[in-house]
Amino acid sequence: MPEEEVPWEGRRYEASCEFASKCKILRDSNPYDEPALKHIAADLLTELWDRGFSVSEIKAAFEWALSALPRYAAGEDRRGDKGAP
C-alpha cells in the first residue's frame, strides 16, 4: 500500500517502531560507559525543538507517555523480566 494510503495512525506507529529498533541497535553496539538512551533522548528532544515543536509541547508529550508506560509494562521493568528465573 502506498504511504499516502496508510492511515496516519499506522504511519505514526511504523515511525515509532523503526526509531525504537534503531535505538536498540545503538544501545547494543554502544562502546561507551554512558547509557546510550539518555543521549539518544537528548538528541531527539533537541531535534524536535529544531523542527518547530515547542519546549512545552515536547515536555507535555513525554510526561504523558511516561505516565502511560507503567500500565503498558504491567509491572515489568524490561520486556520479559517477569518470566526470568
N, C-alpha and C. Protein backbone atom coordinates (compact mmCIF):
# COMPACT_ATOMS: atom_id res chain seq x y z
N MET A 1 0.86 -1.17 0.00
CA MET A 1 0.00 0.00 0.00
C MET A 1 0.91 1.24 0.00
N PRO A 2 0.69 2.17 -0.92
CA PRO A 2 1.48 3.40 -0.92
C PRO A 2 1.33 4.15 0.40
N GLU A 3 2.41 4.84 0.81
CA GLU A 3 2.43 5.52 2.11
C GLU A 3 1.26 6.46 2.30
N GLU A 4 0.86 7.18 1.25
CA GLU A 4 -0.25 8.13 1.40
C GLU A 4 -1.57 7.44 1.66
N GLU A 5 -1.66 6.11 1.39
CA GLU A 5 -2.89 5.37 1.66
C GLU A 5 -2.91 4.76 3.06
N VAL A 6 -1.74 4.72 3.73
CA VAL A 6 -1.69 4.18 5.08
C VAL A 6 -2.25 5.25 6.02
N PRO A 7 -3.17 4.87 6.89
CA PRO A 7 -3.73 5.86 7.82
C PRO A 7 -2.63 6.50 8.66
N TRP A 8 -2.89 7.72 9.10
CA TRP A 8 -1.93 8.47 9.90
C TRP A 8 -1.46 7.67 11.11
N GLU A 9 -2.39 6.98 11.78
CA GLU A 9 -2.04 6.19 12.96
C GLU A 9 -1.04 5.09 12.61
N GLY A 10 -1.20 4.48 11.47
CA GLY A 10 -0.27 3.44 11.03
C GLY A 10 1.10 4.00 10.72
N ARG A 11 1.15 5.13 10.05
CA ARG A 11 2.44 5.77 9.76
C ARG A 11 3.15 6.20 11.04
N ARG A 12 2.37 6.72 12.00
CA ARG A 12 2.92 7.12 13.30
C ARG A 12 3.53 5.92 14.01
N TYR A 13 2.79 4.82 14.05
CA TYR A 13 3.26 3.61 14.72
C TYR A 13 4.51 3.05 14.03
N GLU A 14 4.50 3.00 12.71
CA GLU A 14 5.66 2.49 11.96
C GLU A 14 6.91 3.33 12.23
N ALA A 15 6.76 4.65 12.28
CA ALA A 15 7.90 5.53 12.57
C ALA A 15 8.43 5.27 13.97
N SER A 16 7.53 5.06 14.93
CA SER A 16 7.95 4.78 16.31
C SER A 16 8.69 3.45 16.39
N CYS A 17 8.19 2.43 15.71
CA CYS A 17 8.83 1.12 15.73
C CYS A 17 10.22 1.17 15.09
N GLU A 18 10.32 1.86 13.97
CA GLU A 18 11.60 1.99 13.28
C GLU A 18 12.61 2.72 14.16
N PHE A 19 12.18 3.81 14.80
CA PHE A 19 13.07 4.56 15.68
C PHE A 19 13.51 3.70 16.86
N ALA A 20 12.58 2.97 17.47
CA ALA A 20 12.92 2.12 18.61
C ALA A 20 13.90 1.02 18.21
N SER A 21 13.73 0.45 17.04
CA SER A 21 14.65 -0.58 16.55
C SER A 21 16.05 -0.02 16.38
N LYS A 22 16.14 1.19 15.84
CA LYS A 22 17.45 1.83 15.67
C LYS A 22 18.08 2.15 17.02
N CYS A 23 17.25 2.55 17.99
CA CYS A 23 17.76 2.83 19.35
C CYS A 23 18.34 1.57 19.97
N LYS A 24 17.67 0.43 19.78
CA LYS A 24 18.17 -0.83 20.34
C LYS A 24 19.51 -1.21 19.72
N ILE A 25 19.62 -1.04 18.42
CA ILE A 25 20.89 -1.34 17.74
C ILE A 25 22.00 -0.45 18.30
N LEU A 26 21.70 0.82 18.48
CA LEU A 26 22.70 1.74 19.04
C LEU A 26 23.05 1.35 20.48
N ARG A 27 22.05 1.00 21.28
CA ARG A 27 22.33 0.59 22.67
C ARG A 27 23.20 -0.66 22.69
N ASP A 28 22.87 -1.64 21.86
CA ASP A 28 23.60 -2.90 21.85
C ASP A 28 25.02 -2.77 21.32
N SER A 29 25.28 -1.74 20.54
CA SER A 29 26.62 -1.54 19.98
C SER A 29 27.38 -0.40 20.65
N ASN A 30 26.84 0.13 21.74
CA ASN A 30 27.44 1.27 22.42
C ASN A 30 28.79 0.90 23.03
N PRO A 31 29.88 1.54 22.60
CA PRO A 31 31.21 1.21 23.15
C PRO A 31 31.56 2.02 24.41
N TYR A 32 30.65 2.88 24.86
CA TYR A 32 30.95 3.78 25.98
C TYR A 32 30.26 3.33 27.26
N ASP A 33 30.74 3.86 28.37
CA ASP A 33 30.15 3.55 29.68
C ASP A 33 28.86 4.34 29.93
N GLU A 34 28.63 5.37 29.17
CA GLU A 34 27.42 6.19 29.30
C GLU A 34 26.22 5.46 28.70
N PRO A 35 25.05 5.53 29.35
CA PRO A 35 23.85 4.91 28.77
C PRO A 35 23.48 5.58 27.43
N ALA A 36 23.34 4.78 26.41
CA ALA A 36 23.03 5.31 25.08
C ALA A 36 21.69 6.03 25.05
N LEU A 37 20.70 5.48 25.76
CA LEU A 37 19.35 6.03 25.65
C LEU A 37 19.26 7.47 26.13
N LYS A 38 19.99 7.83 27.17
CA LYS A 38 19.89 9.22 27.64
C LYS A 38 20.42 10.19 26.59
N HIS A 39 21.45 9.79 25.85
CA HIS A 39 21.97 10.66 24.79
C HIS A 39 21.05 10.67 23.57
N ILE A 40 20.48 9.51 23.26
CA ILE A 40 19.51 9.45 22.15
C ILE A 40 18.31 10.34 22.47
N ALA A 41 17.82 10.26 23.72
CA ALA A 41 16.67 11.08 24.13
C ALA A 41 17.00 12.56 24.05
N ALA A 42 18.18 12.94 24.53
CA ALA A 42 18.57 14.36 24.47
C ALA A 42 18.66 14.83 23.02
N ASP A 43 19.24 14.00 22.16
CA ASP A 43 19.32 14.36 20.74
C ASP A 43 17.94 14.47 20.12
N LEU A 44 17.06 13.53 20.45
CA LEU A 44 15.70 13.56 19.91
C LEU A 44 14.97 14.84 20.32
N LEU A 45 15.06 15.19 21.58
CA LEU A 45 14.36 16.39 22.05
C LEU A 45 14.88 17.65 21.36
N THR A 46 16.19 17.75 21.19
CA THR A 46 16.71 18.95 20.51
C THR A 46 16.33 18.94 19.03
N GLU A 47 16.28 17.76 18.42
CA GLU A 47 15.86 17.68 17.02
C GLU A 47 14.39 18.06 16.87
N LEU A 48 13.55 17.65 17.82
CA LEU A 48 12.14 18.06 17.78
C LEU A 48 12.04 19.58 17.90
N TRP A 49 12.79 20.15 18.83
CA TRP A 49 12.77 21.61 19.02
C TRP A 49 13.25 22.31 17.75
N ASP A 50 14.32 21.77 17.14
CA ASP A 50 14.84 22.36 15.89
C ASP A 50 13.81 22.31 14.76
N ARG A 51 12.87 21.38 14.82
CA ARG A 51 11.86 21.23 13.77
C ARG A 51 10.55 21.92 14.11
N GLY A 52 10.59 22.78 15.13
CA GLY A 52 9.44 23.64 15.39
C GLY A 52 8.51 23.23 16.50
N PHE A 53 8.80 22.13 17.19
CA PHE A 53 7.99 21.77 18.35
C PHE A 53 8.42 22.65 19.51
N SER A 54 7.48 23.11 20.32
CA SER A 54 7.83 23.97 21.45
C SER A 54 8.31 23.12 22.63
N VAL A 55 9.06 23.76 23.52
CA VAL A 55 9.52 23.07 24.72
C VAL A 55 8.31 22.54 25.50
N SER A 56 7.25 23.35 25.59
CA SER A 56 6.07 22.90 26.35
C SER A 56 5.38 21.72 25.66
N GLU A 57 5.31 21.69 24.33
CA GLU A 57 4.74 20.55 23.61
C GLU A 57 5.55 19.28 23.87
N ILE A 58 6.86 19.40 23.77
CA ILE A 58 7.76 18.26 23.97
C ILE A 58 7.62 17.73 25.39
N LYS A 59 7.68 18.64 26.36
CA LYS A 59 7.59 18.23 27.76
C LYS A 59 6.26 17.55 28.05
N ALA A 60 5.16 18.11 27.58
CA ALA A 60 3.83 17.52 27.81
C ALA A 60 3.72 16.14 27.17
N ALA A 61 4.24 16.00 25.97
CA ALA A 61 4.16 14.71 25.27
C ALA A 61 4.94 13.63 26.01
N PHE A 62 6.14 13.97 26.46
CA PHE A 62 6.96 12.96 27.14
C PHE A 62 6.43 12.66 28.54
N GLU A 63 5.91 13.66 29.22
CA GLU A 63 5.30 13.41 30.53
C GLU A 63 4.08 12.50 30.39
N TRP A 64 3.26 12.74 29.37
CA TRP A 64 2.09 11.90 29.13
C TRP A 64 2.52 10.47 28.81
N ALA A 65 3.51 10.32 27.92
CA ALA A 65 3.98 8.99 27.54
C ALA A 65 4.56 8.25 28.74
N LEU A 66 5.33 8.94 29.56
CA LEU A 66 5.90 8.31 30.75
C LEU A 66 4.82 7.89 31.75
N SER A 67 3.78 8.68 31.86
CA SER A 67 2.70 8.33 32.79
C SER A 67 1.92 7.10 32.30
N ALA A 68 1.88 6.86 31.00
CA ALA A 68 1.15 5.72 30.43
C ALA A 68 1.99 4.44 30.43
N LEU A 69 3.29 4.56 30.53
CA LEU A 69 4.17 3.40 30.40
C LEU A 69 3.94 2.32 31.46
N PRO A 70 3.76 2.66 32.74
CA PRO A 70 3.55 1.58 33.73
C PRO A 70 2.34 0.69 33.42
N ARG A 71 1.27 1.26 32.90
CA ARG A 71 0.10 0.44 32.54
C ARG A 71 0.46 -0.52 31.41
N TYR A 72 1.20 -0.05 30.42
CA TYR A 72 1.60 -0.89 29.30
C TYR A 72 2.58 -1.97 29.75
N ALA A 73 3.53 -1.61 30.62
CA ALA A 73 4.57 -2.55 31.05
C ALA A 73 4.05 -3.58 32.05
N ALA A 74 2.93 -3.31 32.69
CA ALA A 74 2.29 -4.24 33.62
C ALA A 74 3.25 -4.80 34.66
N GLY A 75 4.04 -3.91 35.25
CA GLY A 75 4.92 -4.31 36.34
C GLY A 75 6.32 -4.76 35.92
N GLU A 76 6.56 -4.92 34.64
CA GLU A 76 7.89 -5.31 34.18
C GLU A 76 8.75 -4.06 33.98
N ASP A 77 10.00 -4.12 34.42
CA ASP A 77 10.91 -3.02 34.16
C ASP A 77 11.42 -3.09 32.72
N ARG A 78 11.64 -4.29 32.25
CA ARG A 78 12.09 -4.54 30.87
C ARG A 78 11.28 -5.70 30.34
N ARG A 79 10.91 -5.67 29.07
CA ARG A 79 10.09 -6.75 28.50
C ARG A 79 10.75 -8.10 28.76
N GLY A 80 9.95 -9.02 29.31
CA GLY A 80 10.43 -10.37 29.58
C GLY A 80 10.97 -10.58 30.98
N ASP A 81 11.05 -9.54 31.80
CA ASP A 81 11.60 -9.69 33.14
C ASP A 81 10.77 -10.61 34.04
N LYS A 82 9.45 -10.62 33.89
CA LYS A 82 8.61 -11.44 34.78
C LYS A 82 8.88 -12.93 34.58
N GLY A 83 9.21 -13.32 33.37
CA GLY A 83 9.46 -14.73 33.10
C GLY A 83 10.88 -15.17 33.42
N ALA A 84 11.73 -14.23 33.83
CA ALA A 84 13.12 -14.58 34.15
C ALA A 84 13.18 -15.36 35.46
N PRO A 85 14.10 -16.33 35.53
CA PRO A 85 14.21 -17.11 36.78
C PRO A 85 14.73 -16.28 37.94
